[in-house]
């Protein structure tokens, strides 16, 4: 009996091994999964409607290609920022995060200018479903991008306060995950729209 009690007491004293995940990172991954499901449903609806016929075919303005390149470069600068944070190179870290933020804003401006080009081409949100889908896809991505820009601005502010460094990488890891996801998501959408337009 004593042995059983000793074993039980010993078991109770042992720390429990808890399978846990950082709550902020968990929320980010939930956001990513929800976004993937949203865009998967939208692209499926696009293919179904396109198969029904009466589909307006138009050339996607070059500005969208340029903005895609800009976003891809911003992913490179984001990774650069992460590497500099790991090395505690605070000066380069701030430059890299600021560059990513500026490139993200440039992408957003070019998307809006791209919409203006579409209007000039007489491709409107209301009318043919081809145009409607194009505006919806690009707008939904832009909404997601605004969240990414907020995360970038927050990371830049934290790096200015020396709150991002090799011992505190969570903020920049979360920011990099969001930003790389937005980049991959846009490339997927852009290639999809070019292929099935």
N, C-alpha and C. Protein backbone atom coordinates (compact mmCIF):
# COMPACT_ATOMS: atom_id res chain seq x y z
N UNK A 1 0.83 -1.21 0.00
CA UNK A 1 0.00 0.00 0.00
C UNK A 1 0.86 1.25 0.00
N UNK A 2 1.95 1.17 0.83
CA UNK A 2 2.85 2.32 0.91
C UNK A 2 3.48 2.60 -0.44
N UNK A 3 3.88 1.51 -1.13
CA UNK A 3 4.51 1.65 -2.44
C UNK A 3 3.56 2.33 -3.43
N UNK A 4 2.29 1.93 -3.37
CA UNK A 4 1.28 2.52 -4.27
C UNK A 4 1.10 3.99 -3.98
N UNK A 5 1.07 4.36 -2.68
CA UNK A 5 0.91 5.77 -2.30
C UNK A 5 2.12 6.59 -2.72
N UNK A 6 3.31 6.00 -2.53
CA UNK A 6 4.55 6.69 -2.93
C UNK A 6 4.57 6.94 -4.43
N UNK A 7 4.18 5.91 -5.19
CA UNK A 7 4.13 6.03 -6.66
C UNK A 7 3.14 7.11 -7.07
N UNK A 8 1.96 7.11 -6.41
CA UNK A 8 0.93 8.10 -6.72
C UNK A 8 1.40 9.52 -6.41
N UNK A 9 2.04 9.68 -5.25
CA UNK A 9 2.57 10.99 -4.86
C UNK A 9 3.65 11.44 -5.84
N UNK A 10 4.51 10.51 -6.22
CA UNK A 10 5.59 10.81 -7.17
C UNK A 10 5.00 11.25 -8.52
N UNK A 11 3.92 10.54 -8.94
CA UNK A 11 3.26 10.85 -10.21
C UNK A 11 2.65 12.25 -10.18
N UNK A 12 2.01 12.58 -9.03
CA UNK A 12 1.37 13.89 -8.89
C UNK A 12 2.38 15.03 -8.90
N UNK A 13 3.56 14.76 -8.35
CA UNK A 13 4.60 15.79 -8.28
C UNK A 13 5.27 16.06 -9.63
N UNK A 14 5.15 15.11 -10.55
CA UNK A 14 5.80 15.28 -11.86
C UNK A 14 5.04 16.32 -12.69
N UNK A 15 5.77 17.23 -13.35
CA UNK A 15 5.07 18.21 -14.21
C UNK A 15 4.43 17.53 -15.40
N UNK A 16 3.24 17.94 -15.72
CA UNK A 16 2.54 17.36 -16.86
C UNK A 16 3.13 17.88 -18.16
N UNK A 17 3.22 16.98 -19.12
CA UNK A 17 3.71 17.37 -20.45
C UNK A 17 2.52 17.89 -21.24
N UNK A 18 2.51 19.15 -21.49
CA UNK A 18 1.36 19.77 -22.16
C UNK A 18 1.71 20.05 -23.62
N UNK A 19 0.83 19.56 -24.49
CA UNK A 19 0.99 19.85 -25.92
C UNK A 19 0.35 21.22 -26.16
N UNK A 20 1.16 22.23 -26.33
CA UNK A 20 0.58 23.57 -26.51
C UNK A 20 1.22 24.29 -27.68
N UNK A 21 0.49 25.27 -28.18
CA UNK A 21 0.98 26.09 -29.29
C UNK A 21 0.78 27.54 -28.90
N UNK A 22 1.68 28.37 -29.37
CA UNK A 22 1.57 29.79 -29.11
C UNK A 22 0.20 30.28 -29.59
N UNK A 23 -0.60 30.93 -28.73
CA UNK A 23 -1.96 31.33 -29.13
C UNK A 23 -2.01 32.29 -30.32
N UNK A 24 -1.01 33.19 -30.40
CA UNK A 24 -0.99 34.13 -31.53
C UNK A 24 -0.71 33.38 -32.83
N UNK A 25 0.26 32.47 -32.80
CA UNK A 25 0.58 31.69 -33.99
C UNK A 25 -0.60 30.80 -34.39
N UNK A 26 -1.29 30.28 -33.37
CA UNK A 26 -2.47 29.45 -33.64
C UNK A 26 -3.55 30.27 -34.36
N UNK A 27 -3.77 31.50 -33.89
CA UNK A 27 -4.76 32.39 -34.54
C UNK A 27 -4.36 32.71 -35.98
N UNK A 28 -3.07 32.91 -36.19
CA UNK A 28 -2.58 33.20 -37.55
C UNK A 28 -2.85 32.01 -38.47
N UNK A 29 -2.59 30.80 -37.98
CA UNK A 29 -2.84 29.61 -38.82
C UNK A 29 -4.33 29.40 -39.06
N UNK A 30 -5.16 29.73 -38.07
CA UNK A 30 -6.61 29.68 -38.29
C UNK A 30 -7.02 30.65 -39.39
N UNK A 31 -6.45 31.86 -39.33
CA UNK A 31 -6.70 32.88 -40.35
C UNK A 31 -6.29 32.38 -41.73
N UNK A 32 -5.14 31.73 -41.81
CA UNK A 32 -4.65 31.21 -43.10
C UNK A 32 -5.57 30.11 -43.62
N UNK A 33 -5.96 29.18 -42.76
CA UNK A 33 -6.85 28.08 -43.17
C UNK A 33 -8.19 28.64 -43.65
N UNK A 34 -8.75 29.60 -42.89
CA UNK A 34 -10.03 30.22 -43.27
C UNK A 34 -9.91 30.94 -44.62
N UNK A 35 -8.78 31.62 -44.83
CA UNK A 35 -8.57 32.34 -46.09
C UNK A 35 -8.46 31.38 -47.26
N UNK A 36 -7.74 30.28 -47.05
CA UNK A 36 -7.59 29.26 -48.11
C UNK A 36 -8.96 28.71 -48.48
N UNK A 37 -9.79 28.43 -47.48
CA UNK A 37 -11.14 27.90 -47.75
C UNK A 37 -11.98 28.92 -48.50
N UNK A 38 -11.87 30.19 -48.10
CA UNK A 38 -12.63 31.26 -48.77
C UNK A 38 -12.26 31.34 -50.25
N UNK A 39 -10.97 31.42 -50.53
CA UNK A 39 -10.54 31.58 -51.92
C UNK A 39 -10.73 30.30 -52.74
N UNK A 40 -10.66 29.15 -52.10
CA UNK A 40 -10.93 27.88 -52.80
C UNK A 40 -12.39 27.85 -53.26
N UNK A 41 -13.30 28.31 -52.38
CA UNK A 41 -14.72 28.33 -52.75
C UNK A 41 -14.98 29.34 -53.86
N UNK A 42 -14.30 30.49 -53.81
CA UNK A 42 -14.48 31.52 -54.82
C UNK A 42 -13.96 31.08 -56.19
N UNK A 43 -12.78 30.42 -56.19
CA UNK A 43 -12.23 29.96 -57.48
C UNK A 43 -13.07 28.82 -58.06
N UNK A 44 -13.64 28.00 -57.19
CA UNK A 44 -14.54 26.93 -57.66
C UNK A 44 -15.78 27.54 -58.31
N UNK A 45 -16.35 28.54 -57.65
CA UNK A 45 -17.53 29.23 -58.20
C UNK A 45 -17.19 29.87 -59.54
N UNK A 46 -16.01 30.44 -59.64
CA UNK A 46 -15.54 31.07 -60.89
C UNK A 46 -15.56 30.05 -62.03
N UNK A 47 -15.00 28.86 -61.79
CA UNK A 47 -14.91 27.83 -62.83
C UNK A 47 -16.30 27.35 -63.25
N UNK A 48 -17.20 27.21 -62.28
CA UNK A 48 -18.56 26.77 -62.57
C UNK A 48 -19.28 27.80 -63.44
N UNK A 49 -19.20 29.07 -63.05
CA UNK A 49 -19.86 30.14 -63.81
C UNK A 49 -19.25 30.31 -65.20
N UNK A 50 -17.94 30.16 -65.29
CA UNK A 50 -17.26 30.32 -66.59
C UNK A 50 -17.73 29.24 -67.57
N UNK A 51 -17.95 28.03 -67.04
CA UNK A 51 -18.38 26.91 -67.89
C UNK A 51 -19.79 27.11 -68.44
N UNK A 52 -20.56 27.98 -67.79
CA UNK A 52 -21.93 28.24 -68.24
C UNK A 52 -21.99 29.10 -69.51
N UNK A 53 -20.86 29.71 -69.87
CA UNK A 53 -20.81 30.52 -71.10
C UNK A 53 -21.07 31.99 -70.84
N UNK A 54 -21.18 32.78 -71.92
CA UNK A 54 -21.36 34.24 -71.85
C UNK A 54 -20.29 34.87 -70.96
N UNK A 55 -19.04 34.53 -71.26
CA UNK A 55 -17.91 34.95 -70.44
C UNK A 55 -17.09 36.00 -71.19
N UNK A 56 -16.91 37.14 -70.59
CA UNK A 56 -16.14 38.21 -71.22
C UNK A 56 -14.65 37.92 -71.09
N UNK A 57 -13.97 37.86 -72.22
CA UNK A 57 -12.51 37.66 -72.19
C UNK A 57 -11.83 39.01 -72.38
N UNK A 58 -10.89 39.31 -71.51
CA UNK A 58 -10.17 40.58 -71.59
C UNK A 58 -8.72 40.38 -71.19
N UNK A 59 -7.87 41.27 -71.66
CA UNK A 59 -6.45 41.21 -71.32
C UNK A 59 -6.24 41.85 -69.96
N UNK A 60 -5.59 41.11 -69.07
CA UNK A 60 -5.30 41.65 -67.74
C UNK A 60 -4.25 42.74 -67.88
N UNK A 61 -4.53 43.95 -67.37
CA UNK A 61 -3.56 45.06 -67.48
C UNK A 61 -2.17 44.68 -66.95
N UNK A 62 -1.13 45.17 -67.64
CA UNK A 62 0.27 44.88 -67.29
C UNK A 62 0.58 45.31 -65.86
N UNK A 63 -0.13 46.30 -65.37
CA UNK A 63 0.10 46.82 -64.02
C UNK A 63 -0.03 45.72 -62.96
N UNK A 64 -0.91 44.74 -63.21
CA UNK A 64 -1.08 43.64 -62.27
C UNK A 64 0.15 42.72 -62.26
N UNK A 65 0.80 42.59 -63.40
CA UNK A 65 2.05 41.81 -63.47
C UNK A 65 3.16 42.52 -62.71
N UNK A 66 3.24 43.84 -62.91
CA UNK A 66 4.26 44.65 -62.21
C UNK A 66 4.04 44.57 -60.70
N UNK A 67 2.77 44.68 -60.27
CA UNK A 67 2.47 44.63 -58.84
C UNK A 67 2.81 43.25 -58.25
N UNK A 68 2.66 42.21 -59.06
CA UNK A 68 3.01 40.85 -58.61
C UNK A 68 4.50 40.75 -58.35
N UNK A 69 5.31 41.31 -59.24
CA UNK A 69 6.77 41.32 -59.06
C UNK A 69 7.13 42.09 -57.79
N UNK A 70 6.47 43.23 -57.59
CA UNK A 70 6.72 44.06 -56.39
C UNK A 70 6.43 43.25 -55.12
N UNK A 71 5.30 42.51 -55.12
CA UNK A 71 4.94 41.72 -53.94
C UNK A 71 5.95 40.60 -53.70
N UNK A 72 6.43 39.99 -54.78
CA UNK A 72 7.43 38.93 -54.65
C UNK A 72 8.74 39.48 -54.06
N UNK A 73 9.13 40.68 -54.48
CA UNK A 73 10.33 41.31 -53.92
C UNK A 73 10.12 41.59 -52.43
N UNK A 74 8.89 41.99 -52.07
CA UNK A 74 8.60 42.28 -50.66
C UNK A 74 8.72 41.03 -49.79
N UNK A 75 8.47 39.87 -50.38
CA UNK A 75 8.64 38.62 -49.64
C UNK A 75 10.12 38.36 -49.36
N UNK A 76 10.97 38.75 -50.32
CA UNK A 76 12.42 38.62 -50.14
C UNK A 76 12.89 39.55 -49.02
N UNK A 77 12.42 40.80 -49.03
CA UNK A 77 12.83 41.75 -47.99
C UNK A 77 12.31 41.33 -46.61
N UNK A 78 11.13 40.67 -46.60
CA UNK A 78 10.58 40.17 -45.33
C UNK A 78 11.48 39.08 -44.76
N UNK A 79 11.94 38.18 -45.62
CA UNK A 79 12.83 37.11 -45.17
C UNK A 79 14.17 37.70 -44.71
N UNK A 80 14.62 38.71 -45.42
CA UNK A 80 15.85 39.42 -45.04
C UNK A 80 15.70 39.99 -43.63
N UNK A 81 14.55 40.60 -43.36
CA UNK A 81 14.28 41.17 -42.03
C UNK A 81 14.36 40.10 -40.95
N UNK A 82 13.78 38.95 -41.23
CA UNK A 82 13.80 37.84 -40.26
C UNK A 82 15.24 37.39 -39.97
N UNK A 83 16.04 37.26 -41.03
CA UNK A 83 17.44 36.85 -40.86
C UNK A 83 18.23 37.87 -40.04
N UNK A 84 17.97 39.16 -40.30
CA UNK A 84 18.68 40.22 -39.56
C UNK A 84 18.26 40.24 -38.09
N UNK A 85 16.98 39.93 -37.83
CA UNK A 85 16.50 39.86 -36.44
C UNK A 85 17.22 38.74 -35.69
N UNK A 86 17.42 37.61 -36.36
CA UNK A 86 18.11 36.48 -35.73
C UNK A 86 19.56 36.81 -35.40
N UNK A 87 20.14 37.73 -36.20
CA UNK A 87 21.55 38.11 -35.98
C UNK A 87 21.68 39.36 -35.10
N UNK A 88 20.57 39.94 -34.68
CA UNK A 88 20.56 41.17 -33.88
C UNK A 88 21.20 42.35 -34.63
N UNK A 89 21.02 42.38 -35.96
CA UNK A 89 21.47 43.51 -36.77
C UNK A 89 20.32 44.51 -36.85
N UNK A 90 20.20 45.35 -35.82
CA UNK A 90 19.02 46.21 -35.67
C UNK A 90 18.85 47.22 -36.80
N UNK A 91 19.95 47.78 -37.28
CA UNK A 91 19.89 48.76 -38.36
C UNK A 91 19.31 48.15 -39.62
N UNK A 92 19.86 47.00 -40.03
CA UNK A 92 19.38 46.32 -41.24
C UNK A 92 17.97 45.78 -41.05
N UNK A 93 17.67 45.34 -39.83
CA UNK A 93 16.32 44.85 -39.54
C UNK A 93 15.29 45.93 -39.82
N UNK A 94 15.53 47.13 -39.32
CA UNK A 94 14.59 48.24 -39.52
C UNK A 94 14.46 48.60 -41.00
N UNK A 95 15.59 48.60 -41.71
CA UNK A 95 15.56 48.90 -43.16
C UNK A 95 14.74 47.85 -43.90
N UNK A 96 14.97 46.59 -43.57
CA UNK A 96 14.28 45.49 -44.26
C UNK A 96 12.78 45.51 -44.01
N UNK A 97 12.38 45.74 -42.75
CA UNK A 97 10.93 45.79 -42.43
C UNK A 97 10.29 47.01 -43.10
N UNK A 98 10.99 48.16 -43.05
CA UNK A 98 10.47 49.39 -43.69
C UNK A 98 10.34 49.19 -45.20
N UNK A 99 11.32 48.53 -45.81
CA UNK A 99 11.28 48.27 -47.26
C UNK A 99 10.09 47.38 -47.60
N UNK A 100 9.84 46.37 -46.77
CA UNK A 100 8.70 45.47 -46.99
C UNK A 100 7.38 46.24 -46.90
N UNK A 101 7.30 47.13 -45.91
CA UNK A 101 6.10 47.95 -45.73
C UNK A 101 5.86 48.86 -46.94
N UNK A 102 6.92 49.51 -47.41
CA UNK A 102 6.81 50.42 -48.57
C UNK A 102 6.40 49.63 -49.81
N UNK A 103 7.00 48.45 -50.02
CA UNK A 103 6.66 47.62 -51.19
C UNK A 103 5.21 47.13 -51.09
N UNK A 104 4.76 46.84 -49.88
CA UNK A 104 3.37 46.41 -49.68
C UNK A 104 2.39 47.52 -50.03
N UNK A 105 2.72 48.74 -49.62
CA UNK A 105 1.87 49.90 -49.95
C UNK A 105 1.89 50.15 -51.46
N UNK A 106 3.07 50.00 -52.07
CA UNK A 106 3.20 50.19 -53.52
C UNK A 106 2.33 49.17 -54.26
N UNK A 107 2.33 47.93 -53.78
CA UNK A 107 1.48 46.89 -54.38
C UNK A 107 0.01 47.30 -54.31
N UNK A 108 -0.42 47.78 -53.15
CA UNK A 108 -1.80 48.19 -52.95
C UNK A 108 -2.19 49.33 -53.90
N UNK A 109 -1.32 50.31 -54.04
CA UNK A 109 -1.57 51.45 -54.94
C UNK A 109 -1.68 50.96 -56.38
N UNK A 110 -0.78 50.06 -56.77
CA UNK A 110 -0.80 49.53 -58.14
C UNK A 110 -2.06 48.72 -58.43
N UNK A 111 -2.57 48.02 -57.40
CA UNK A 111 -3.82 47.27 -57.59
C UNK A 111 -4.98 48.22 -57.89
N UNK A 112 -5.05 49.32 -57.13
CA UNK A 112 -6.11 50.32 -57.35
C UNK A 112 -5.97 50.94 -58.75
N UNK A 113 -4.73 51.24 -59.12
CA UNK A 113 -4.49 51.77 -60.47
C UNK A 113 -4.87 50.74 -61.55
N UNK A 114 -4.66 49.47 -61.23
CA UNK A 114 -5.06 48.39 -62.14
C UNK A 114 -6.57 48.37 -62.34
N UNK A 115 -7.32 48.62 -61.26
CA UNK A 115 -8.78 48.71 -61.38
C UNK A 115 -9.18 49.86 -62.31
N UNK A 116 -8.46 50.99 -62.19
CA UNK A 116 -8.75 52.13 -63.07
C UNK A 116 -8.52 51.77 -64.53
N UNK A 117 -7.48 50.99 -64.78
CA UNK A 117 -7.20 50.52 -66.16
C UNK A 117 -8.32 49.62 -66.66
N UNK A 118 -8.84 48.78 -65.77
CA UNK A 118 -9.96 47.91 -66.16
C UNK A 118 -11.19 48.72 -66.53
N UNK A 119 -11.46 49.77 -65.78
CA UNK A 119 -12.60 50.65 -66.08
C UNK A 119 -12.40 51.30 -67.45
N UNK A 120 -11.17 51.74 -67.73
CA UNK A 120 -10.86 52.33 -69.04
C UNK A 120 -11.10 51.32 -70.16
N UNK A 121 -10.89 50.02 -69.84
CA UNK A 121 -11.11 48.95 -70.83
C UNK A 121 -12.58 48.52 -70.87
N UNK A 122 -13.43 49.22 -70.08
CA UNK A 122 -14.86 48.93 -69.97
C UNK A 122 -15.13 47.55 -69.36
N UNK A 123 -14.27 47.17 -68.43
CA UNK A 123 -14.50 45.97 -67.62
C UNK A 123 -14.94 46.47 -66.25
N UNK A 124 -16.22 46.24 -65.96
CA UNK A 124 -16.80 46.81 -64.73
C UNK A 124 -17.12 45.72 -63.71
N UNK A 125 -17.33 46.18 -62.46
CA UNK A 125 -17.72 45.25 -61.40
C UNK A 125 -19.12 44.70 -61.68
N UNK A 126 -20.01 45.58 -62.13
CA UNK A 126 -21.37 45.18 -62.48
C UNK A 126 -21.42 44.95 -63.98
N UNK A 127 -22.00 43.84 -64.38
CA UNK A 127 -22.08 43.51 -65.80
C UNK A 127 -21.75 42.05 -65.98
N UNK A 128 -20.73 41.77 -66.79
CA UNK A 128 -20.32 40.39 -67.02
C UNK A 128 -19.63 39.82 -65.78
N UNK A 129 -19.92 38.55 -65.49
CA UNK A 129 -19.37 37.91 -64.29
C UNK A 129 -17.85 37.82 -64.31
N UNK A 130 -17.25 37.80 -65.49
CA UNK A 130 -15.78 37.73 -65.58
C UNK A 130 -15.15 38.93 -64.88
N UNK A 131 -15.68 40.11 -65.16
CA UNK A 131 -15.19 41.32 -64.51
C UNK A 131 -15.49 41.33 -63.02
N UNK A 132 -16.71 40.90 -62.67
CA UNK A 132 -17.13 40.88 -61.26
C UNK A 132 -16.18 40.02 -60.42
N UNK A 133 -15.89 38.83 -60.93
CA UNK A 133 -14.99 37.93 -60.20
C UNK A 133 -13.60 38.53 -60.05
N UNK A 134 -13.12 39.17 -61.11
CA UNK A 134 -11.78 39.77 -61.06
C UNK A 134 -11.70 40.82 -59.95
N UNK A 135 -12.71 41.67 -59.90
CA UNK A 135 -12.75 42.71 -58.85
C UNK A 135 -12.87 42.09 -57.45
N UNK A 136 -13.72 41.07 -57.33
CA UNK A 136 -13.92 40.43 -56.02
C UNK A 136 -12.63 39.78 -55.54
N UNK A 137 -11.96 39.02 -56.42
CA UNK A 137 -10.71 38.37 -56.03
C UNK A 137 -9.66 39.37 -55.59
N UNK A 138 -9.47 40.39 -56.40
CA UNK A 138 -8.41 41.37 -56.09
C UNK A 138 -8.78 42.19 -54.85
N UNK A 139 -10.07 42.50 -54.67
CA UNK A 139 -10.48 43.26 -53.50
C UNK A 139 -10.32 42.44 -52.22
N UNK A 140 -10.74 41.17 -52.26
CA UNK A 140 -10.61 40.31 -51.08
C UNK A 140 -9.15 40.14 -50.69
N UNK A 141 -8.29 40.01 -51.69
CA UNK A 141 -6.86 39.90 -51.39
C UNK A 141 -6.34 41.20 -50.78
N UNK A 142 -6.83 42.31 -51.30
CA UNK A 142 -6.40 43.62 -50.79
C UNK A 142 -6.81 43.81 -49.32
N UNK A 143 -7.99 43.32 -48.97
CA UNK A 143 -8.45 43.39 -47.57
C UNK A 143 -7.49 42.60 -46.68
N UNK A 144 -7.12 41.40 -47.14
CA UNK A 144 -6.16 40.59 -46.40
C UNK A 144 -4.81 41.31 -46.31
N UNK A 145 -4.44 41.97 -47.40
CA UNK A 145 -3.16 42.68 -47.44
C UNK A 145 -3.11 43.81 -46.41
N UNK A 146 -4.23 44.48 -46.21
CA UNK A 146 -4.29 45.56 -45.21
C UNK A 146 -3.93 45.00 -43.83
N UNK A 147 -4.43 43.81 -43.52
CA UNK A 147 -4.09 43.16 -42.24
C UNK A 147 -2.59 42.89 -42.17
N UNK A 148 -2.02 42.47 -43.31
CA UNK A 148 -0.58 42.24 -43.37
C UNK A 148 0.21 43.52 -43.17
N UNK A 149 -0.28 44.63 -43.73
CA UNK A 149 0.39 45.92 -43.57
C UNK A 149 0.33 46.39 -42.11
N UNK A 150 -0.78 46.11 -41.43
CA UNK A 150 -0.89 46.45 -40.01
C UNK A 150 0.14 45.65 -39.21
N UNK A 151 0.28 44.36 -39.53
CA UNK A 151 1.27 43.52 -38.85
C UNK A 151 2.68 44.03 -39.12
N UNK A 152 2.94 44.48 -40.35
CA UNK A 152 4.25 45.03 -40.71
C UNK A 152 4.54 46.33 -39.95
N UNK A 153 3.54 47.22 -39.89
CA UNK A 153 3.71 48.49 -39.18
C UNK A 153 3.99 48.23 -37.70
N UNK A 154 3.29 47.25 -37.13
CA UNK A 154 3.49 46.88 -35.73
C UNK A 154 4.91 46.34 -35.50
N UNK A 155 5.38 45.53 -36.45
CA UNK A 155 6.73 44.95 -36.36
C UNK A 155 7.79 46.03 -36.52
N UNK A 156 7.53 46.99 -37.41
CA UNK A 156 8.48 48.09 -37.59
C UNK A 156 8.57 48.93 -36.32
N UNK A 157 7.42 49.23 -35.73
CA UNK A 157 7.39 50.00 -34.48
C UNK A 157 8.17 49.26 -33.38
N UNK A 158 7.94 47.94 -33.28
CA UNK A 158 8.62 47.14 -32.26
C UNK A 158 10.12 47.08 -32.50
N UNK A 159 10.51 47.02 -33.77
CA UNK A 159 11.95 46.98 -34.07
C UNK A 159 12.62 48.32 -33.76
N UNK A 160 11.87 49.40 -33.91
CA UNK A 160 12.39 50.72 -33.54
C UNK A 160 12.62 50.81 -32.01
N UNK A 161 11.78 50.09 -31.26
CA UNK A 161 11.88 50.08 -29.80
C UNK A 161 12.81 48.97 -29.30
N UNK A 162 13.50 48.31 -30.23
CA UNK A 162 14.42 47.20 -29.91
C UNK A 162 13.69 46.03 -29.25
N UNK A 163 12.42 45.84 -29.62
CA UNK A 163 11.65 44.74 -29.05
C UNK A 163 11.65 43.51 -29.95
N UNK A 164 12.37 43.60 -31.07
CA UNK A 164 12.52 42.45 -31.97
C UNK A 164 14.01 42.13 -32.03
N UNK A 165 14.36 40.94 -31.57
CA UNK A 165 15.77 40.51 -31.59
C UNK A 165 15.83 39.00 -31.50
N UNK A 166 17.04 38.45 -31.44
CA UNK A 166 17.21 36.99 -31.48
C UNK A 166 16.52 36.26 -30.34
N UNK A 167 16.27 36.93 -29.23
CA UNK A 167 15.59 36.31 -28.09
C UNK A 167 14.08 36.54 -28.11
N UNK A 168 13.63 37.44 -28.97
CA UNK A 168 12.19 37.73 -29.09
C UNK A 168 11.80 37.79 -30.56
N UNK A 169 11.64 36.61 -31.14
CA UNK A 169 11.38 36.51 -32.59
C UNK A 169 9.91 36.30 -32.93
N UNK A 170 9.06 36.10 -31.92
CA UNK A 170 7.67 35.74 -32.20
C UNK A 170 6.98 36.75 -33.11
N UNK A 171 7.15 38.03 -32.81
CA UNK A 171 6.46 39.08 -33.59
C UNK A 171 6.84 39.02 -35.06
N UNK A 172 8.15 38.90 -35.33
CA UNK A 172 8.59 38.90 -36.72
C UNK A 172 8.28 37.56 -37.39
N UNK A 173 8.25 36.48 -36.63
CA UNK A 173 7.87 35.18 -37.21
C UNK A 173 6.41 35.20 -37.65
N UNK A 174 5.56 35.75 -36.80
CA UNK A 174 4.13 35.87 -37.13
C UNK A 174 3.94 36.76 -38.35
N UNK A 175 4.63 37.90 -38.36
CA UNK A 175 4.54 38.84 -39.47
C UNK A 175 5.01 38.20 -40.78
N UNK A 176 6.14 37.48 -40.71
CA UNK A 176 6.69 36.82 -41.91
C UNK A 176 5.73 35.75 -42.42
N UNK A 177 5.13 34.99 -41.52
CA UNK A 177 4.17 33.94 -41.92
C UNK A 177 2.99 34.56 -42.67
N UNK A 178 2.43 35.63 -42.11
CA UNK A 178 1.30 36.32 -42.75
C UNK A 178 1.72 36.85 -44.12
N UNK A 179 2.86 37.51 -44.16
CA UNK A 179 3.27 38.18 -45.40
C UNK A 179 3.59 37.18 -46.52
N UNK A 180 4.30 36.10 -46.19
CA UNK A 180 4.61 35.08 -47.20
C UNK A 180 3.33 34.40 -47.68
N UNK A 181 2.39 34.21 -46.77
CA UNK A 181 1.10 33.62 -47.17
C UNK A 181 0.38 34.53 -48.16
N UNK A 182 0.35 35.84 -47.88
CA UNK A 182 -0.31 36.80 -48.77
C UNK A 182 0.35 36.81 -50.15
N UNK A 183 1.66 36.66 -50.17
CA UNK A 183 2.41 36.61 -51.43
C UNK A 183 2.01 35.36 -52.22
N UNK A 184 2.05 34.20 -51.56
CA UNK A 184 1.69 32.94 -52.23
C UNK A 184 0.25 32.97 -52.70
N UNK A 185 -0.64 33.50 -51.86
CA UNK A 185 -2.06 33.59 -52.21
C UNK A 185 -2.26 34.44 -53.46
N UNK A 186 -1.59 35.59 -53.54
CA UNK A 186 -1.74 36.44 -54.70
C UNK A 186 -1.20 35.77 -55.96
N UNK A 187 -0.04 35.11 -55.86
CA UNK A 187 0.53 34.43 -57.03
C UNK A 187 -0.45 33.37 -57.54
N UNK A 188 -1.04 32.63 -56.61
CA UNK A 188 -2.05 31.63 -56.98
C UNK A 188 -3.22 32.28 -57.72
N UNK A 189 -3.76 33.36 -57.14
CA UNK A 189 -4.91 34.05 -57.74
C UNK A 189 -4.57 34.62 -59.11
N UNK A 190 -3.39 35.24 -59.20
CA UNK A 190 -2.99 35.88 -60.44
C UNK A 190 -2.80 34.85 -61.56
N UNK A 191 -2.12 33.75 -61.25
CA UNK A 191 -1.92 32.69 -62.24
C UNK A 191 -3.27 32.08 -62.62
N UNK A 192 -4.14 31.90 -61.64
CA UNK A 192 -5.48 31.36 -61.90
C UNK A 192 -6.26 32.27 -62.85
N UNK A 193 -6.24 33.57 -62.58
CA UNK A 193 -6.98 34.53 -63.41
C UNK A 193 -6.39 34.62 -64.82
N UNK A 194 -5.08 34.55 -64.94
CA UNK A 194 -4.45 34.57 -66.27
C UNK A 194 -4.78 33.31 -67.05
N UNK A 195 -4.82 32.18 -66.36
CA UNK A 195 -5.06 30.88 -67.02
C UNK A 195 -6.51 30.73 -67.44
N UNK A 196 -7.43 31.12 -66.59
CA UNK A 196 -8.84 30.87 -66.86
C UNK A 196 -9.65 32.09 -67.26
N UNK A 197 -8.96 33.17 -67.64
CA UNK A 197 -9.67 34.40 -68.06
C UNK A 197 -10.26 34.19 -69.46
